Protein backbone atom coordinates (compact mmCIF):
# COMPACT_ATOMS: atom_id res chain seq x y z
CA MET A 1 5.58 27.08 -30.25
CA VAL A 2 2.59 24.94 -29.39
CA ASN A 3 0.59 26.31 -26.45
CA VAL A 4 0.36 23.18 -24.26
CA LEU A 5 -2.36 23.53 -21.62
CA SER A 6 -2.15 20.07 -20.09
CA SER A 7 -0.37 16.78 -20.68
CA ARG A 8 -0.52 13.12 -19.79
CA VAL A 9 1.29 9.89 -20.50
CA LEU A 10 -1.01 7.36 -22.24
CA LEU A 11 -0.39 3.78 -21.20
CA ARG A 12 -2.08 0.88 -23.03
CA PRO A 13 -1.32 -2.18 -20.86
CA THR A 14 -1.61 -5.85 -21.74
CA ASP A 15 -3.91 -6.38 -18.72
CA LEU A 16 -5.89 -3.23 -17.89
CA GLU A 17 -7.14 -4.22 -14.43
CA ARG A 18 -3.74 -5.55 -13.32
CA SER A 19 -2.04 -2.30 -14.34
CA ARG A 20 -4.80 -0.14 -12.88
CA ALA A 21 -4.42 -2.00 -9.55
CA PHE A 22 -0.62 -1.58 -9.65
CA TYR A 23 -0.71 2.18 -10.16
CA ARG A 24 -3.66 2.72 -7.80
CA ASP A 25 -2.93 0.26 -4.99
CA ASP A 26 0.79 -0.56 -5.13
CA LEU A 27 2.15 2.84 -6.14
CA GLY A 28 -0.72 4.62 -4.37
CA LEU A 29 -1.34 7.16 -7.12
CA ALA A 30 -4.47 9.26 -6.58
CA ILE A 31 -7.19 9.09 -9.22
CA TYR A 32 -7.83 12.30 -11.15
CA ARG A 33 -10.78 10.89 -13.12
CA GLU A 34 -12.26 7.76 -14.61
CA PHE A 35 -14.16 7.45 -17.86
CA GLY A 36 -16.18 4.72 -19.50
CA ALA A 37 -17.87 1.90 -17.64
CA GLY A 38 -17.17 -1.58 -16.37
CA PRO A 39 -13.84 -3.36 -16.61
CA GLU A 40 -12.86 -1.40 -19.72
CA ARG A 41 -13.07 2.00 -18.00
CA GLY A 42 -10.04 4.24 -18.27
CA THR A 43 -8.34 5.73 -15.25
CA VAL A 44 -6.31 8.93 -15.15
CA PHE A 45 -3.94 9.24 -12.20
CA PHE A 46 -2.27 12.33 -10.79
CA LEU A 47 1.44 12.08 -11.58
CA GLY A 48 3.07 15.04 -9.84
CA GLY A 49 2.84 17.88 -12.36
CA GLY A 50 1.16 15.70 -14.99
CA TYR A 51 -1.13 12.74 -15.44
CA LEU A 52 -0.90 9.05 -16.29
CA GLU A 53 -3.81 7.58 -18.22
CA VAL A 54 -4.15 3.79 -18.00
CA SER A 55 -6.74 2.71 -20.55
CA GLY A 56 -7.37 0.45 -23.49
CA HIS A 57 -5.43 -2.68 -24.29
CA SER A 58 -2.25 -3.65 -26.11
CA GLU A 59 -1.26 -7.09 -27.33
CA ALA A 60 2.37 -6.45 -26.39
CA PRO A 61 4.09 -4.46 -23.63
CA PRO A 62 5.28 -0.94 -24.50
CA ALA A 63 8.65 -0.45 -26.14
CA PRO A 64 11.62 -1.32 -23.91
CA GLY A 65 12.78 2.31 -23.94
CA MET A 66 9.68 3.58 -22.11
CA GLU A 67 10.44 4.60 -18.53
CA LEU A 68 8.72 6.73 -15.89
CA TRP A 69 10.55 9.13 -13.55
CA LEU A 70 8.70 9.70 -10.27
CA GLN A 71 10.07 12.08 -7.64
CA VAL A 72 9.20 11.28 -4.03
CA PRO A 73 10.17 13.01 -0.77
CA ASP A 74 11.78 9.87 0.69
CA ALA A 75 13.07 6.98 -1.45
CA GLU A 76 13.59 4.66 1.51
CA ALA A 77 10.02 5.18 2.76
CA ALA A 78 8.79 4.52 -0.80
CA ARG A 79 10.86 1.31 -0.90
CA GLU A 80 9.36 0.09 2.37
CA ARG A 81 5.82 0.75 1.13
CA LEU A 82 6.41 -0.90 -2.24
CA VAL A 83 8.10 -3.98 -0.77
CA GLY A 84 5.22 -4.24 1.71
CA ARG A 85 2.84 -4.31 -1.28
CA GLY A 86 4.86 -7.09 -2.93
CA VAL A 87 6.46 -4.89 -5.60
CA ARG A 88 9.83 -6.25 -6.69
CA VAL A 89 12.62 -3.70 -6.39
CA LEU A 90 14.97 -3.98 -9.37
CA ARG A 91 17.57 -1.80 -7.68
CA GLU A 92 17.65 -0.54 -4.11
CA PRO A 93 17.85 3.22 -3.42
CA LEU A 94 21.35 4.46 -4.17
CA ARG A 95 22.88 7.94 -4.26
CA GLU A 96 24.08 8.45 -7.81
CA PRO A 97 27.26 10.35 -8.78
CA TRP A 98 24.98 13.22 -9.93
CA GLY A 99 23.58 13.46 -6.39
CA LEU A 100 20.05 12.06 -6.76
CA ILE A 101 18.90 9.01 -4.79
CA GLU A 102 17.37 6.57 -7.28
CA MET A 103 15.58 3.24 -6.94
CA TRP A 104 14.22 1.15 -9.83
CA ILE A 105 11.03 -0.91 -9.98
CA ALA A 106 8.86 -2.13 -12.89
CA ASP A 107 5.14 -2.17 -13.57
CA PRO A 108 3.33 -5.41 -14.52
CA ASP A 109 4.27 -4.97 -18.21
CA GLY A 110 7.93 -4.36 -17.37
CA ILE A 111 7.91 -0.57 -17.76
CA ARG A 112 10.87 0.58 -15.71
CA ILE A 113 10.04 3.19 -13.10
CA VAL A 114 12.74 5.20 -11.39
CA ILE A 115 11.77 6.46 -7.96
CA VAL A 116 13.85 9.58 -7.28
CA GLU A 117 14.58 11.55 -4.12
CA VAL A 118 16.22 14.95 -4.49
CA PRO A 119 18.33 15.41 -1.33
CA GLU A 120 18.22 18.74 0.52
CA ASP A 121 21.79 19.56 -0.57
CA HIS A 122 21.21 18.84 -4.29
CA PRO A 123 21.62 21.76 -6.76
CA MET A 124 18.10 21.09 -8.13
CA ARG A 125 16.78 22.55 -4.86
CA TYR A 126 18.79 25.76 -5.23
CA ARG A 127 16.86 28.68 -6.67
CA PRO A 128 19.11 31.74 -7.17
């Protein structure tokens, strides 16, 4: 087994500043650290129990299978904030057959992001 001490998702967007603004301003993720200087600086955001690094540049958006799963305390409140910031909701919050409330949005490069609320009565909250 590899002894993993920390982890982060590395995102190389097609437009660094546009993506940095999306994750910082629209999603409201807190900054863990920045590195480098000027417009090419990298930004590492807190992402719940991990981190999201937005740095570098890619000629093409990430593979279509890349998705982020973000748990929030209130999906409807998240929807209101995101819509107020001009973020397009791909799918409104909906309680799924498996009991989670899920809403879908996308970042500027089209990375699908599922915003998830775990209701109080969901088995994920039960700790025997």
